[in-house]
C-alpha atoms as a PDB file:
ATOM      1  CA  UNK A   1     -30.387   9.753  -0.753  1.00  0.00           C
ATOM      2  CA  UNK A   2     -28.804   8.518   2.912  1.00  0.00           C
ATOM      3  CA  UNK A   3     -26.459   9.084   5.319  1.00  0.00           C
ATOM      4  CA  UNK A   4     -23.090   7.804   3.776  1.00  0.00           C
ATOM      5  CA  UNK A   5     -19.948   9.079   1.737  1.00  0.00           C
ATOM      6  CA  UNK A   6     -18.985   8.772  -1.608  1.00  0.00           C
ATOM      7  CA  UNK A   7     -15.846   7.360  -0.903  1.00  0.00           C
ATOM      8  CA  UNK A   8     -13.643   7.106   2.718  1.00  0.00           C
ATOM      9  CA  UNK A   9     -10.208   6.765   2.877  1.00  0.00           C
ATOM     10  CA  UNK A  10      -8.167   4.731   5.797  1.00  0.00           C
ATOM     11  CA  UNK A  11      -4.388   4.113   6.934  1.00  0.00           C
ATOM     12  CA  UNK A  12      -3.219   0.867   7.181  1.00  0.00           C
ATOM     13  CA  UNK A  13       0.299   0.513   8.296  1.00  0.00           C
ATOM     14  CA  UNK A  14       2.090   2.350   5.356  1.00  0.00           C
ATOM     15  CA  UNK A  15      -1.009   2.163   3.036  1.00  0.00           C
ATOM     16  CA  UNK A  16      -4.406   4.313   2.973  1.00  0.00           C
ATOM     17  CA  UNK A  17      -7.159   2.035   1.104  1.00  0.00           C
ATOM     18  CA  UNK A  18      -9.757   3.640  -0.002  1.00  0.00           C
ATOM     19  CA  UNK A  19     -13.051   2.292  -0.083  1.00  0.00           C
ATOM     20  CA  UNK A  20     -15.943   3.683  -3.011  1.00  0.00           C
ATOM     21  CA  UNK A  21     -19.184   3.731  -2.921  1.00  0.00           C
ATOM     22  CA  UNK A  22     -21.654   2.281  -5.383  1.00  0.00           C
ATOM     23  CA  UNK A  23     -21.667   4.900  -7.755  1.00  0.00           C
ATOM     24  CA  UNK A  24     -24.112   5.272 -10.712  1.00  0.00           C
ATOM     25  CA  UNK A  25     -24.691   7.621 -13.781  1.00  0.00           C
ATOM     26  CA  UNK A  26     -26.481  10.375 -12.960  1.00  0.00           C
ATOM     27  CA  UNK A  27     -26.526  14.033 -13.314  1.00  0.00           C
ATOM     28  CA  UNK A  28     -27.101  16.130  -9.807  1.00  0.00           C
ATOM     29  CA  UNK A  29     -30.170  16.868 -10.412  1.00  0.00           C
ATOM     30  CA  UNK A  30     -30.728  12.937 -10.272  1.00  0.00           C
ATOM     31  CA  UNK A  31     -31.496  12.943 -13.602  1.00  0.00           C
ATOM     32  CA  UNK A  32     -30.027   9.089 -15.174  1.00  0.00           C
ATOM     33  CA  UNK A  33     -27.086  10.055 -18.465  1.00  0.00           C
ATOM     34  CA  UNK A  34     -28.018   8.322 -21.308  1.00  0.00           C
ATOM     35  CA  UNK A  35     -30.587   6.073 -20.174  1.00  0.00           C
ATOM     36  CA  UNK A  36     -30.162   2.763 -21.725  1.00  0.00           C
ATOM     37  CA  UNK A  37     -26.881   2.941 -22.813  1.00  0.00           C
ATOM     38  CA  UNK A  38     -24.582   0.843 -20.732  1.00  0.00           C
ATOM     39  CA  UNK A  39     -21.386   1.822 -21.695  1.00  0.00           C
ATOM     40  CA  UNK A  40     -22.083   5.431 -22.086  1.00  0.00           C
ATOM     41  CA  UNK A  41     -22.856   5.240 -18.420  1.00  0.00           C
ATOM     42  CA  UNK A  42     -20.151   3.070 -17.779  1.00  0.00           C
ATOM     43  CA  UNK A  43     -18.150   5.286 -18.604  1.00  0.00           C
ATOM     44  CA  UNK A  44     -19.412   8.005 -16.617  1.00  0.00           C
ATOM     45  CA  UNK A  45     -19.325   6.229 -13.809  1.00  0.00           C
ATOM     46  CA  UNK A  46     -15.904   5.568 -13.818  1.00  0.00           C
ATOM     47  CA  UNK A  47     -14.788   9.338 -14.263  1.00  0.00           C
ATOM     48  CA  UNK A  48     -16.280   9.671 -11.486  1.00  0.00           C
ATOM     49  CA  UNK A  49     -15.091   7.612  -9.325  1.00  0.00           C
ATOM     50  CA  UNK A  50     -11.628   8.782 -10.597  1.00  0.00           C
ATOM     51  CA  UNK A  51     -12.720  12.288  -9.215  1.00  0.00           C
ATOM     52  CA  UNK A  52     -13.289  10.537  -6.397  1.00  0.00           C
ATOM     53  CA  UNK A  53      -9.646   8.508  -5.685  1.00  0.00           C
ATOM     54  CA  UNK A  54      -7.866  12.122  -6.961  1.00  0.00           C
ATOM     55  CA  UNK A  55      -9.778  13.223  -3.920  1.00  0.00           C
ATOM     56  CA  UNK A  56      -7.907  10.993  -1.582  1.00  0.00           C
ATOM     57  CA  UNK A  57      -4.826  11.262  -3.265  1.00  0.00           C
ATOM     58  CA  UNK A  58      -5.166   8.083  -5.303  1.00  0.00           C
ATOM     59  CA  UNK A  59      -5.326   6.908  -8.633  1.00  0.00           C
ATOM     60  CA  UNK A  60      -7.276   4.681 -11.189  1.00  0.00           C
ATOM     61  CA  UNK A  61      -4.044   2.463 -11.360  1.00  0.00           C
ATOM     62  CA  UNK A  62      -4.422   1.829  -7.395  1.00  0.00           C
ATOM     63  CA  UNK A  63      -7.465  -0.100  -7.626  1.00  0.00           C
ATOM     64  CA  UNK A  64      -7.068  -3.469  -5.743  1.00  0.00           C
ATOM     65  CA  UNK A  65     -11.170  -4.809  -6.310  1.00  0.00           C
ATOM     66  CA  UNK A  66     -13.747  -4.077  -8.299  1.00  0.00           C
ATOM     67  CA  UNK A  67     -17.531  -4.892  -8.146  1.00  0.00           C
ATOM     68  CA  UNK A  68     -20.270  -4.153 -11.272  1.00  0.00           C
ATOM     69  CA  UNK A  69     -23.307  -4.238 -11.185  1.00  0.00           C
ATOM     70  CA  UNK A  70     -25.458  -4.276 -13.937  1.00  0.00           C
ATOM     71  CA  UNK A  71     -28.731  -4.443 -14.798  1.00  0.00           C
ATOM     72  CA  UNK A  72     -28.178  -6.890 -17.952  1.00  0.00           C
ATOM     73  CA  UNK A  73     -25.681  -9.083 -17.754  1.00  0.00           C
ATOM     74  CA  UNK A  74     -26.234  -9.255 -21.901  1.00  0.00           C
ATOM     75  CA  UNK A  75     -24.443  -5.928 -22.157  1.00  0.00           C
ATOM     76  CA  UNK A  76     -21.412  -7.417 -20.388  1.00  0.00           C
ATOM     77  CA  UNK A  77     -19.405  -6.625 -23.326  1.00  0.00           C
ATOM     78  CA  UNK A  78     -19.933  -2.828 -23.419  1.00  0.00           C
ATOM     79  CA  UNK A  79     -19.160  -2.372 -19.874  1.00  0.00           C
ATOM     80  CA  UNK A  80     -16.349  -4.148 -20.264  1.00  0.00           C
ATOM     81  CA  UNK A  81     -14.952  -2.514 -22.734  1.00  0.00           C
ATOM     82  CA  UNK A  82     -14.948   0.805 -20.967  1.00  0.00           C
ATOM     83  CA  UNK A  83     -13.663  -0.980 -17.313  1.00  0.00           C
ATOM     84  CA  UNK A  84     -10.806  -2.884 -19.893  1.00  0.00           C
ATOM     85  CA  UNK A  85      -9.762   0.845 -20.684  1.00  0.00           C
ATOM     86  CA  UNK A  86      -9.191   2.206 -17.294  1.00  0.00           C
ATOM     87  CA  UNK A  87      -8.559  -0.730 -15.644  1.00  0.00           C
ATOM     88  CA  UNK A  88      -5.257  -1.403 -18.029  1.00  0.00           C
ATOM     89  CA  UNK A  89      -2.242  -1.409 -15.419  1.00  0.00           C
ATOM     90  CA  UNK A  90      -4.253  -2.178 -12.719  1.00  0.00           C
ATOM     91  CA  UNK A  91      -5.956  -5.724 -13.359  1.00  0.00           C
ATOM     92  CA  UNK A  92      -7.699  -5.349  -9.754  1.00  0.00           C
ATOM     93  CA  UNK A  93      -9.538  -8.411  -8.327  1.00  0.00           C
ATOM     94  CA  UNK A  94     -12.782  -8.016 -10.587  1.00  0.00           C
ATOM     95  CA  UNK A  95     -16.911  -9.146 -10.037  1.00  0.00           C
ATOM     96  CA  UNK A  96     -19.448  -8.546 -11.998  1.00  0.00           C
ATOM     97  CA  UNK A  97     -23.045  -8.838 -11.614  1.00  0.00           C
ATOM     98  CA  UNK A  98     -26.441  -8.878 -13.294  1.00  0.00           C
ATOM     99  CA  UNK A  99     -29.334  -7.481 -10.143  1.00  0.00           C
ATOM    100  CA  UNK A 100     -33.013  -6.459 -10.936  1.00  0.00           C
ATOM    101  CA  UNK A 101     -32.294  -2.783 -11.053  1.00  0.00           C
ATOM    102  CA  UNK A 102     -30.055   0.158  -9.218  1.00  0.00           C
ATOM    103  CA  UNK A 103     -31.676   2.608  -6.767  1.00  0.00           C
ATOM    104  CA  UNK A 104     -32.475   5.349  -9.425  1.00  0.00           C
ATOM    105  CA  UNK A 105     -34.460   3.759 -12.477  1.00  0.00           C
ATOM    106  CA  UNK A 106     -32.648   4.044 -15.793  1.00  0.00           C
ATOM    107  CA  UNK A 107     -29.365   3.673 -13.833  1.00  0.00           C
ATOM    108  CA  UNK A 108     -28.128   0.568 -15.323  1.00  0.00           C
ATOM    109  CA  UNK A 109     -24.890   0.474 -14.270  1.00  0.00           C
ATOM    110  CA  UNK A 110     -23.397   0.633 -10.875  1.00  0.00           C
ATOM    111  CA  UNK A 111     -19.981  -0.177  -9.060  1.00  0.00           C
ATOM    112  CA  UNK A 112     -17.808   0.316  -5.956  1.00  0.00           C
ATOM    113  CA  UNK A 113     -13.685   0.128  -5.941  1.00  0.00           C
ATOM    114  CA  UNK A 114     -11.277  -0.287  -3.592  1.00  0.00           C
ATOM    115  CA  UNK A 115      -7.938   1.259  -3.934  1.00  0.00           C
ATOM    116  CA  UNK A 116      -4.940   1.209  -1.914  1.00  0.00           C
ATOM    117  CA  UNK A 117      -2.555   3.553  -2.231  1.00  0.00           C
ATOM    118  CA  UNK A 118       1.238   3.616  -1.059  1.00  0.00           C
ATOM    119  CA  UNK A 119       1.901   6.245   1.867  1.00  0.00           C
ATOM    120  CA  UNK A 120       4.942   8.623   1.335  1.00  0.00           C
ATOM    121  CA  UNK A 121       4.055  10.834   4.544  1.00  0.00           C
ATOM    122  CA  UNK A 122       5.095  10.789   7.885  1.00  0.00           C
ATOM    123  CA  UNK A 123       7.897   8.899   9.529  1.00  0.00           C
ATOM    124  CA  UNK A 124       8.584   5.338  10.691  1.00  0.00           C
ATOM    125  CA  UNK A 125      10.984   3.516  12.811  1.00  0.00           C
ATOM    126  CA  UNK A 126      13.676   1.659  11.698  1.00  0.00           C
ATOM    127  CA  UNK A 127      15.161  -1.082  13.657  1.00  0.00           C
ATOM    128  CA  UNK A 128      17.901  -4.157  13.062  1.00  0.00           C
ATOM    129  CA  UNK A 129      19.983  -6.184  14.992  1.00  0.00           C
ATOM    130  CA  UNK A 130      23.436  -6.222  13.695  1.00  0.00           C
ATOM    131  CA  UNK A 131      27.161  -8.355  15.046  1.00  0.00           C
ATOM    132  CA  UNK A 132      29.041  -5.463  17.336  1.00  0.00           C
ATOM    133  CA  UNK A 133      31.719  -5.423  14.740  1.00  0.00           C
ATOM    134  CA  UNK A 134      29.542  -4.036  11.565  1.00  0.00           C
ATOM    135  CA  UNK A 135      27.440  -2.074  13.663  1.00  0.00           C
ATOM    136  CA  UNK A 136      29.380   1.248  13.249  1.00  0.00           C
ATOM    137  CA  UNK A 137      29.113   0.209   9.149  1.00  0.00           C
ATOM    138  CA  UNK A 138      25.444  -0.224   8.781  1.00  0.00           C
ATOM    139  CA  UNK A 139      24.658   2.712  11.005  1.00  0.00           C
ATOM    140  CA  UNK A 140      26.464   5.157   9.196  1.00  0.00           C
ATOM    141  CA  UNK A 141      25.145   3.051   5.753  1.00  0.00           C
ATOM    142  CA  UNK A 142      21.483   3.817   7.228  1.00  0.00           C
ATOM    143  CA  UNK A 143      22.255   7.557   7.773  1.00  0.00           C
ATOM    144  CA  UNK A 144      23.753   8.162   4.100  1.00  0.00           C
ATOM    145  CA  UNK A 145      20.221   6.156   2.663  1.00  0.00           C
ATOM    146  CA  UNK A 146      18.987   8.907   4.906  1.00  0.00           C
ATOM    147  CA  UNK A 147      17.608   7.605   8.260  1.00  0.00           C
ATOM    148  CA  UNK A 148      17.924   9.733  11.324  1.00  0.00           C
ATOM    149  CA  UNK A 149      17.359  13.075  10.199  1.00  0.00           C
ATOM    150  CA  UNK A 150      15.703  14.949  12.946  1.00  0.00           C
ATOM    151  CA  UNK A 151      15.214  18.825  11.912  1.00  0.00           C
ATOM    152  CA  UNK A 152      18.725  19.696  11.570  1.00  0.00           C
ATOM    153  CA  UNK A 153      20.670  17.164  12.727  1.00  0.00           C
ATOM    154  CA  UNK A 154      21.469  13.929  10.210  1.00  0.00           C
ATOM    155  CA  UNK A 155      22.399  10.105  11.424  1.00  0.00           C
ATOM    156  CA  UNK A 156      20.722  10.645  14.900  1.00  0.00           C
ATOM    157  CA  UNK A 157      19.993   7.240  16.396  1.00  0.00           C
ATOM    158  CA  UNK A 158      19.651   4.971  19.475  1.00  0.00           C
ATOM    159  CA  UNK A 159      22.029   1.661  20.019  1.00  0.00           C
ATOM    160  CA  UNK A 160      21.287  -1.030  23.309  1.00  0.00           C
ATOM    161  CA  UNK A 161      24.082  -4.305  23.238  1.00  0.00           C
ATOM    162  CA  UNK A 162      22.333  -7.539  23.932  1.00  0.00           C
ATOM    163  CA  UNK A 163      23.545 -11.191  22.058  1.00  0.00           C
ATOM    164  CA  UNK A 164      21.777 -12.506  19.744  1.00  0.00           C
ATOM    165  CA  UNK A 165      21.164 -16.300  19.433  1.00  0.00           C
ATOM    166  CA  UNK A 166      19.989 -18.679  16.802  1.00  0.00           C
ATOM    167  CA  UNK A 167      20.912 -21.875  15.510  1.00  0.00           C
ATOM    168  CA  UNK A 168      21.342 -22.090  11.489  1.00  0.00           C
ATOM    169  CA  UNK A 169      20.075 -25.333   9.870  1.00  0.00           C
ATOM    170  CA  UNK A 170      20.642 -27.463   6.864  1.00  0.00           C
ATOM    171  CA  UNK A 171      20.812 -25.372   3.999  1.00  0.00           C
ATOM    172  CA  UNK A 172      21.237 -22.030   5.910  1.00  0.00           C
ATOM    173  CA  UNK A 173      24.797 -20.312   5.155  1.00  0.00           C
ATOM    174  CA  UNK A 174      25.779 -18.521   8.546  1.00  0.00           C
ATOM    175  CA  UNK A 175      28.156 -15.299   8.615  1.00  0.00           C
ATOM    176  CA  UNK A 176      28.863 -16.039  11.743  1.00  0.00           C
ATOM    177  CA  UNK A 177      28.634 -20.018  13.315  1.00  0.00           C
ATOM    178  CA  UNK A 178      28.526 -23.704  11.972  1.00  0.00           C
ATOM    179  CA  UNK A 179      24.986 -25.345  10.770  1.00  0.00           C
ATOM    180  CA  UNK A 180      23.368 -27.419  13.196  1.00  0.00           C
ATOM    181  CA  UNK A 181      25.134 -25.601  16.184  1.00  0.00           C
ATOM    182  CA  UNK A 182      23.021 -22.500  18.861  1.00  0.00           C
ATOM    183  CA  UNK A 183      24.846 -19.772  18.484  1.00  0.00           C
ATOM    184  CA  UNK A 184      25.494 -16.913  20.370  1.00  0.00           C
ATOM    185  CA  UNK A 185      26.337 -13.481  18.845  1.00  0.00           C
ATOM    186  CA  UNK A 186      27.042  -9.413  20.576  1.00  0.00           C
ATOM    187  CA  UNK A 187      24.606  -7.648  18.650  1.00  0.00           C
ATOM    188  CA  UNK A 188      23.711  -3.888  19.044  1.00  0.00           C
ATOM    189  CA  UNK A 189      20.450  -3.028  18.126  1.00  0.00           C
ATOM    190  CA  UNK A 190      20.054   0.189  16.338  1.00  0.00           C
ATOM    191  CA  UNK A 191      17.624   2.381  15.873  1.00  0.00           C
ATOM    192  CA  UNK A 192      16.692   5.564  13.238  1.00  0.00           C
ATOM    193  CA  UNK A 193      14.122   7.869  12.680  1.00  0.00           C
ATOM    194  CA  UNK A 194      13.382   7.397   8.580  1.00  0.00           C
ATOM    195  CA  UNK A 195      10.898   9.124   6.482  1.00  0.00           C
ATOM    196  CA  UNK A 196       8.331   7.421   5.014  1.00  0.00           C
ATOM    197  CA  UNK A 197       9.563   8.036   1.803  1.00  0.00           C
ATOM    198  CA  UNK A 198      12.831   6.716   2.269  1.00  0.00           C
ATOM    199  CA  UNK A 199      12.253   3.398   3.543  1.00  0.00           C
ATOM    200  CA  UNK A 200      12.823   1.012   0.682  1.00  0.00           C
ATOM    201  CA  UNK A 201      16.160   2.366   0.237  1.00  0.00           C
ATOM    202  CA  UNK A 202      16.871   2.383   3.534  1.00  0.00           C
ATOM    203  CA  UNK A 203      16.378  -1.195   3.533  1.00  0.00           C
ATOM    204  CA  UNK A 204      18.254  -1.925   0.416  1.00  0.00           C
ATOM    205  CA  UNK A 205      21.516   0.297   2.424  1.00  0.00           C
ATOM    206  CA  UNK A 206      21.215  -2.188   5.833  1.00  0.00           C
ATOM    207  CA  UNK A 207      21.060  -5.294   3.198  1.00  0.00           C
ATOM    208  CA  UNK A 208      23.810  -4.149   1.875  1.00  0.00           C
ATOM    209  CA  UNK A 209      26.042  -3.530   4.965  1.00  0.00           C
ATOM    210  CA  UNK A 210      24.690  -5.753   7.152  1.00  0.00           C
ATOM    211  CA  UNK A 211      26.757  -9.391   7.414  1.00  0.00           C
ATOM    212  CA  UNK A 212      23.908 -12.107   8.220  1.00  0.00           C
ATOM    213  CA  UNK A 213      22.549 -13.962   5.310  1.00  0.00           C
ATOM    214  CA  UNK A 214      19.009 -13.427   6.794  1.00  0.00           C
ATOM    215  CA  UNK A 215      18.768  -9.669   8.002  1.00  0.00           C
ATOM    216  CA  UNK A 216      16.640  -8.821  10.699  1.00  0.00           C
ATOM    217  CA  UNK A 217      14.395  -5.178   9.916  1.00  0.00           C
ATOM    218  CA  UNK A 218      11.766  -3.994  11.597  1.00  0.00           C
ATOM    219  CA  UNK A 219       9.758  -1.063  10.692  1.00  0.00           C
ATOM    220  CA  UNK A 220       7.106   0.494  12.980  1.00  0.00           C
ATOM    221  CA  UNK A 221       4.659   4.047  12.194  1.00  0.00           C
ATOM    222  CA  UNK A 222       5.125   6.898  14.277  1.00  0.00           C
ATOM    223  CA  UNK A 223       2.723   8.890  15.476  1.00  0.00           C
ATOM    224  CA  UNK A 224       3.028  13.027  15.152  1.00  0.00           C
ATOM    225  CA  UNK A 225       3.643  14.418  18.588  1.00  0.00           C
END
C-alpha cells in the first residue's frame, strides 16, 4: 500500500521514541475485520499496536500520545471503552477525530500512537564537581553504586582539579561560603563511566555524599567503539 514502516524507533538521549503508523482493522489479505463493529475493530487495532510496540522493546504502557480516527463520532463509546482498557495505566495525551473514511472500505477506526521507552542498555558518562575535601568520599560512593566499571576493573575514574565559583543568593543555604558573597572553592571534577541501567542509583549516591545544597551532575551518552 506504499513505502512506509508499521513502526519506527528513534533513540534520543536515554530514551527510545517509538512511532507507530496508523493501524486499521484488516486481515493480511486486506479483508476488513468485523465490518461495522467499531468495538471489535478497535480491539483488533490495539492488538496490532501491541505487537508492533513489543517488536521494539516497548509496551502499551509506554504510550504517551494517541490519535484515534473514526468514521462515526457517535460510536465514540464503543471505541473509548476498548481504548480505556488498554490505556488504563499509560493515560496518554489523546485526540479523537471523525473522518469521512479510512484508506480501506469497511475499516471504521484508525489509531496511531507514540511511545517513549527508557533505555536500559549501553553506557553513559557521569560527571560531578565537588570540593576537594569531599572528592574521595563522592568518588567512593559513585564506585560503590556501580559507576566506574570497565571490563574486570571497578572504581575507574578521571579527575581534574580547578576552581569553582558561585554566589549564594537569598534563600540559599550554602555548605561553603555566605549568602550574597561570591565564593571560590578548590574543586575536583570527577568523571566515571556508568551502565545506563544504574544511573539513578549513582545519582542518588552522589547526592548523598556531596556537601553542596545544589549538586552539579552531568550525564552524557556514550557511543560504542
